[in-house]
Amino acid sequence: MRALVVVGLLAVLALVFVVVAMVRDTQSDGGLAGGCPEGWPMADVTLREPKDVKINVLNGTDRIGLASAIADDFRNRKFQVKKTGDEKKQIDDIAVLRYGPKAVGSAHLLRAYFLDNAEYEYDAKRTDDVVDVVLGSDFQQLATTTEVNQSLGDLGAPVAPAGSCPTREDD
């Protein structure tokens, strides 16, 4: 009988300890902008759906009409294509994704459409939420829906670039 009382008392104490620990938890926003150094840009790490992603599609190759054709492919996948055009300089890679702090989550999604084979150019001073997709000479096609989903699983959650603080749109 005495052992039963001791076990009951320990259970109550454990419950109180857990409740107190949860109430006093200072890491509930772990990884988000709580302790951000002054002056660092806030990187929106919200993983977007295609319909919420704004892109410019640029042709960094000598293939005529590539940007327009791939822009149509992105539109068919529900992306918001803002502009198409030619890049001044030829790109040898598959693609280059250029973006700023407001487009980190969008760029993360786009990485999957290139099976994480695109180069990334993060610009902390950029103020828009648009990702420039510059197609290179090694580009062949966008990934299929199944490949995108698998690639997203491999990539995990979006991460704030070095020198920025992670935040989410709803914070």
C-alpha atoms as a PDB file:
ATOM      1  CA  MET A   1       0.000   0.000   0.000  1.00  0.00           C
ATOM      2  CA  ARG A   2       2.801   2.368   0.948  1.00  0.00           C
ATOM      3  CA  ALA A   3       4.533   1.675  -2.428  1.00  0.00           C
ATOM      4  CA  LEU A   4       1.325   2.600  -4.247  1.00  0.00           C
ATOM      5  CA  VAL A   5       1.193   5.967  -2.459  1.00  0.00           C
ATOM      6  CA  VAL A   6       4.860   6.645  -3.295  1.00  0.00           C
ATOM      7  CA  VAL A   7       4.310   5.761  -6.974  1.00  0.00           C
ATOM      8  CA  GLY A   8       1.218   8.010  -7.080  1.00  0.00           C
ATOM      9  CA  LEU A   9       3.123  10.888  -5.475  1.00  0.00           C
ATOM     10  CA  LEU A  10       5.999  10.458  -7.954  1.00  0.00           C
ATOM     11  CA  ALA A  11       3.540  10.484 -10.856  1.00  0.00           C
ATOM     12  CA  VAL A  12       1.962  13.726  -9.628  1.00  0.00           C
ATOM     13  CA  LEU A  13       5.394  15.322  -9.157  1.00  0.00           C
ATOM     14  CA  ALA A  14       6.448  14.221 -12.660  1.00  0.00           C
ATOM     15  CA  LEU A  15       3.284  15.745 -14.129  1.00  0.00           C
ATOM     16  CA  VAL A  16       3.879  19.040 -12.288  1.00  0.00           C
ATOM     17  CA  PHE A  17       7.506  19.065 -13.479  1.00  0.00           C
ATOM     18  CA  VAL A  18       6.458  18.542 -17.121  1.00  0.00           C
ATOM     19  CA  VAL A  19       3.824  21.297 -16.957  1.00  0.00           C
ATOM     20  CA  VAL A  20       6.277  23.761 -15.393  1.00  0.00           C
ATOM     21  CA  ALA A  21       8.937  22.883 -17.986  1.00  0.00           C
ATOM     22  CA  MET A  22       6.500  23.453 -20.847  1.00  0.00           C
ATOM     23  CA  VAL A  23       5.269  26.778 -19.458  1.00  0.00           C
ATOM     24  CA  ARG A  24       8.801  28.065 -18.937  1.00  0.00           C
ATOM     25  CA  ASP A  25      10.122  26.733 -22.265  1.00  0.00           C
ATOM     26  CA  THR A  26      12.292  29.433 -23.832  1.00  0.00           C
ATOM     27  CA  GLN A  27      12.950  27.427 -26.993  1.00  0.00           C
ATOM     28  CA  SER A  28       9.422  27.292 -28.314  1.00  0.00           C
ATOM     29  CA  ASP A  29      10.545  29.599 -31.105  1.00  0.00           C
ATOM     30  CA  GLY A  30      13.846  27.761 -31.511  1.00  0.00           C
ATOM     31  CA  GLY A  31      15.351  28.491 -34.907  1.00  0.00           C
ATOM     32  CA  LEU A  32      13.205  31.567 -35.407  1.00  0.00           C
ATOM     33  CA  ALA A  33      14.125  35.207 -35.072  1.00  0.00           C
ATOM     34  CA  GLY A  34      13.922  35.566 -31.283  1.00  0.00           C
ATOM     35  CA  GLY A  35      17.647  36.114 -30.739  1.00  0.00           C
ATOM     36  CA  CYS A  36      18.485  37.751 -34.054  1.00  0.00           C
ATOM     37  CA  PRO A  37      21.449  40.157 -34.096  1.00  0.00           C
ATOM     38  CA  GLU A  38      20.489  43.720 -34.928  1.00  0.00           C
ATOM     39  CA  GLY A  39      20.681  44.553 -38.620  1.00  0.00           C
ATOM     40  CA  TRP A  40      20.451  40.985 -39.902  1.00  0.00           C
ATOM     41  CA  PRO A  41      17.768  40.453 -42.568  1.00  0.00           C
ATOM     42  CA  MET A  42      14.747  38.341 -41.700  1.00  0.00           C
ATOM     43  CA  ALA A  43      14.677  35.327 -44.030  1.00  0.00           C
ATOM     44  CA  ASP A  44      11.180  34.003 -44.702  1.00  0.00           C
ATOM     45  CA  VAL A  45      11.625  30.225 -44.452  1.00  0.00           C
ATOM     46  CA  THR A  46       7.957  29.430 -45.134  1.00  0.00           C
ATOM     47  CA  LEU A  47       7.789  26.612 -47.679  1.00  0.00           C
ATOM     48  CA  ARG A  48       5.410  27.944 -50.326  1.00  0.00           C
ATOM     49  CA  GLU A  49       2.995  26.229 -52.637  1.00  0.00           C
ATOM     50  CA  PRO A  50       3.653  26.879 -56.342  1.00  0.00           C
ATOM     51  CA  LYS A  51       0.641  29.207 -56.613  1.00  0.00           C
ATOM     52  CA  ASP A  52       2.279  31.507 -54.042  1.00  0.00           C
ATOM     53  CA  VAL A  53       5.730  31.607 -55.670  1.00  0.00           C
ATOM     54  CA  LYS A  54       6.710  34.542 -57.902  1.00  0.00           C
ATOM     55  CA  ILE A  55       9.459  33.963 -60.448  1.00  0.00           C
ATOM     56  CA  ASN A  56      11.270  35.567 -63.354  1.00  0.00           C
ATOM     57  CA  VAL A  57      12.511  33.089 -65.944  1.00  0.00           C
ATOM     58  CA  LEU A  58      15.685  34.083 -67.774  1.00  0.00           C
ATOM     59  CA  ASN A  59      17.488  32.337 -70.610  1.00  0.00           C
ATOM     60  CA  GLY A  60      21.207  32.031 -69.963  1.00  0.00           C
ATOM     61  CA  THR A  61      21.814  29.954 -73.088  1.00  0.00           C
ATOM     62  CA  ASP A  62      21.916  30.454 -76.856  1.00  0.00           C
ATOM     63  CA  ARG A  63      18.706  28.410 -77.257  1.00  0.00           C
ATOM     64  CA  ILE A  64      16.086  30.778 -78.664  1.00  0.00           C
ATOM     65  CA  GLY A  65      12.741  30.767 -76.820  1.00  0.00           C
ATOM     66  CA  LEU A  66      13.905  28.650 -73.872  1.00  0.00           C
ATOM     67  CA  ALA A  67      12.772  31.129 -71.207  1.00  0.00           C
ATOM     68  CA  SER A  68       9.284  31.414 -72.735  1.00  0.00           C
ATOM     69  CA  ALA A  69       8.859  27.656 -73.046  1.00  0.00           C
ATOM     70  CA  ILE A  70       9.960  26.972 -69.465  1.00  0.00           C
ATOM     71  CA  ALA A  71       7.922  29.931 -68.190  1.00  0.00           C
ATOM     72  CA  ASP A  72       4.863  28.248 -69.738  1.00  0.00           C
ATOM     73  CA  ASP A  73       5.836  25.001 -68.003  1.00  0.00           C
ATOM     74  CA  PHE A  74       6.059  26.866 -64.683  1.00  0.00           C
ATOM     75  CA  ARG A  75       2.682  28.551 -65.343  1.00  0.00           C
ATOM     76  CA  ASN A  76       1.133  25.133 -66.005  1.00  0.00           C
ATOM     77  CA  ARG A  77       2.441  24.124 -62.579  1.00  0.00           C
ATOM     78  CA  LYS A  78       0.664  27.168 -61.069  1.00  0.00           C
ATOM     79  CA  PHE A  79       3.724  29.414 -60.465  1.00  0.00           C
ATOM     80  CA  GLN A  80       3.326  33.184 -60.855  1.00  0.00           C
ATOM     81  CA  VAL A  81       5.659  34.052 -63.729  1.00  0.00           C
ATOM     82  CA  LYS A  82       6.349  37.793 -63.609  1.00  0.00           C
ATOM     83  CA  LYS A  83       8.888  38.232 -66.409  1.00  0.00           C
ATOM     84  CA  THR A  84      10.767  36.270 -69.022  1.00  0.00           C
ATOM     85  CA  GLY A  85      13.834  37.341 -70.923  1.00  0.00           C
ATOM     86  CA  ASP A  86      17.464  36.751 -71.734  1.00  0.00           C
ATOM     87  CA  GLU A  87      20.330  36.796 -69.257  1.00  0.00           C
ATOM     88  CA  LYS A  88      23.254  39.012 -70.312  1.00  0.00           C
ATOM     89  CA  LYS A  89      25.806  36.321 -69.536  1.00  0.00           C
ATOM     90  CA  GLN A  90      25.745  32.659 -70.624  1.00  0.00           C
ATOM     91  CA  ILE A  91      25.319  30.152 -67.774  1.00  0.00           C
ATOM     92  CA  ASP A  92      27.060  26.774 -67.959  1.00  0.00           C
ATOM     93  CA  ASP A  93      25.145  25.215 -65.041  1.00  0.00           C
ATOM     94  CA  ILE A  94      21.695  23.648 -65.115  1.00  0.00           C
ATOM     95  CA  ALA A  95      20.224  26.780 -63.548  1.00  0.00           C
ATOM     96  CA  VAL A  96      20.949  29.579 -61.107  1.00  0.00           C
ATOM     97  CA  LEU A  97      18.382  30.684 -58.529  1.00  0.00           C
ATOM     98  CA  ARG A  98      18.779  34.297 -57.399  1.00  0.00           C
ATOM     99  CA  TYR A  99      16.753  35.490 -54.439  1.00  0.00           C
ATOM    100  CA  GLY A 100      16.662  37.616 -51.312  1.00  0.00           C
ATOM    101  CA  PRO A 101      15.485  37.142 -47.721  1.00  0.00           C
ATOM    102  CA  LYS A 102      11.760  37.314 -48.565  1.00  0.00           C
ATOM    103  CA  ALA A 103      12.070  34.453 -51.076  1.00  0.00           C
ATOM    104  CA  VAL A 104      14.089  31.845 -49.150  1.00  0.00           C
ATOM    105  CA  GLY A 105      11.126  29.442 -48.841  1.00  0.00           C
ATOM    106  CA  SER A 106      10.201  29.976 -52.494  1.00  0.00           C
ATOM    107  CA  ALA A 107      13.764  29.301 -53.642  1.00  0.00           C
ATOM    108  CA  HIS A 108      13.787  26.149 -51.519  1.00  0.00           C
ATOM    109  CA  LEU A 109      10.735  24.851 -53.383  1.00  0.00           C
ATOM    110  CA  LEU A 110      12.334  25.703 -56.723  1.00  0.00           C
ATOM    111  CA  ARG A 111      15.458  23.743 -55.772  1.00  0.00           C
ATOM    112  CA  ALA A 112      13.289  20.616 -55.967  1.00  0.00           C
ATOM    113  CA  TYR A 113      12.245  21.417 -59.552  1.00  0.00           C
ATOM    114  CA  PHE A 114      15.927  21.196 -60.492  1.00  0.00           C
ATOM    115  CA  LEU A 115      16.519  18.143 -58.238  1.00  0.00           C
ATOM    116  CA  ASP A 116      18.835  20.290 -56.100  1.00  0.00           C
ATOM    117  CA  ASN A 117      21.241  20.703 -59.043  1.00  0.00           C
ATOM    118  CA  ALA A 118      20.792  24.460 -59.463  1.00  0.00           C
ATOM    119  CA  GLU A 119      23.297  26.993 -58.161  1.00  0.00           C
ATOM    120  CA  TYR A 120      22.063  29.481 -55.550  1.00  0.00           C
ATOM    121  CA  GLU A 121      22.809  33.173 -55.334  1.00  0.00           C
ATOM    122  CA  TYR A 122      21.400  34.686 -52.158  1.00  0.00           C
ATOM    123  CA  ASP A 123      21.452  38.496 -51.963  1.00  0.00           C
ATOM    124  CA  ALA A 124      20.760  39.801 -48.447  1.00  0.00           C
ATOM    125  CA  LYS A 125      20.072  43.298 -49.841  1.00  0.00           C
ATOM    126  CA  ARG A 126      17.346  42.178 -52.211  1.00  0.00           C
ATOM    127  CA  THR A 127      13.936  43.400 -51.027  1.00  0.00           C
ATOM    128  CA  ASP A 128      11.410  41.581 -53.235  1.00  0.00           C
ATOM    129  CA  ASP A 129       9.903  38.114 -52.858  1.00  0.00           C
ATOM    130  CA  VAL A 130      10.665  37.037 -56.443  1.00  0.00           C
ATOM    131  CA  VAL A 131      13.128  34.323 -57.431  1.00  0.00           C
ATOM    132  CA  ASP A 132      15.073  34.760 -60.660  1.00  0.00           C
ATOM    133  CA  VAL A 133      15.384  31.394 -62.393  1.00  0.00           C
ATOM    134  CA  VAL A 134      18.276  31.623 -64.848  1.00  0.00           C
ATOM    135  CA  LEU A 135      18.387  28.596 -67.144  1.00  0.00           C
ATOM    136  CA  GLY A 136      21.825  27.362 -68.134  1.00  0.00           C
ATOM    137  CA  SER A 137      23.259  25.358 -70.993  1.00  0.00           C
ATOM    138  CA  ASP A 138      23.107  22.105 -68.965  1.00  0.00           C
ATOM    139  CA  PHE A 139      19.336  22.508 -68.427  1.00  0.00           C
ATOM    140  CA  GLN A 140      17.158  19.838 -70.029  1.00  0.00           C
ATOM    141  CA  GLN A 141      13.781  19.847 -68.288  1.00  0.00           C
ATOM    142  CA  LEU A 142      11.997  20.502 -65.017  1.00  0.00           C
ATOM    143  CA  ALA A 143      11.489  17.585 -62.667  1.00  0.00           C
ATOM    144  CA  THR A 144       8.216  15.657 -62.720  1.00  0.00           C
ATOM    145  CA  THR A 145       5.745  16.034 -59.855  1.00  0.00           C
ATOM    146  CA  THR A 146       6.916  12.738 -58.341  1.00  0.00           C
ATOM    147  CA  GLU A 147      10.571  13.769 -58.620  1.00  0.00           C
ATOM    148  CA  VAL A 148       9.782  17.161 -57.041  1.00  0.00           C
ATOM    149  CA  ASN A 149       8.040  15.504 -54.096  1.00  0.00           C
ATOM    150  CA  GLN A 150      10.942  13.097 -53.568  1.00  0.00           C
ATOM    151  CA  SER A 151      13.452  15.926 -53.841  1.00  0.00           C
ATOM    152  CA  LEU A 152      11.533  18.016 -51.288  1.00  0.00           C
ATOM    153  CA  GLY A 153      11.652  15.087 -48.896  1.00  0.00           C
ATOM    154  CA  ASP A 154      15.407  14.841 -49.384  1.00  0.00           C
ATOM    155  CA  LEU A 155      15.907  18.606 -48.975  1.00  0.00           C
ATOM    156  CA  GLY A 156      13.986  18.879 -45.704  1.00  0.00           C
ATOM    157  CA  ALA A 157      12.756  22.226 -44.386  1.00  0.00           C
ATOM    158  CA  PRO A 158      13.995  25.577 -45.707  1.00  0.00           C
ATOM    159  CA  VAL A 159      16.942  27.035 -43.771  1.00  0.00           C
ATOM    160  CA  ALA A 160      17.878  30.693 -43.419  1.00  0.00           C
ATOM    161  CA  PRO A 161      21.088  31.596 -45.274  1.00  0.00           C
ATOM    162  CA  ALA A 162      24.162  32.549 -43.254  1.00  0.00           C
ATOM    163  CA  GLY A 163      23.929  36.084 -41.905  1.00  0.00           C
ATOM    164  CA  SER A 164      20.128  36.078 -41.765  1.00  0.00           C
ATOM    165  CA  CYS A 165      17.523  35.148 -39.190  1.00  0.00           C
ATOM    166  CA  PRO A 166      14.738  32.677 -39.928  1.00  0.00           C
ATOM    167  CA  THR A 167      11.150  33.787 -39.667  1.00  0.00           C
ATOM    168  CA  ARG A 168       7.825  32.674 -41.077  1.00  0.00           C
ATOM    169  CA  GLU A 169       5.190  34.782 -42.760  1.00  0.00           C
ATOM    170  CA  ASP A 170       2.676  34.134 -39.981  1.00  0.00           C
ATOM    171  CA  ASP A 171       5.074  35.237 -37.197  1.00  0.00           C
END
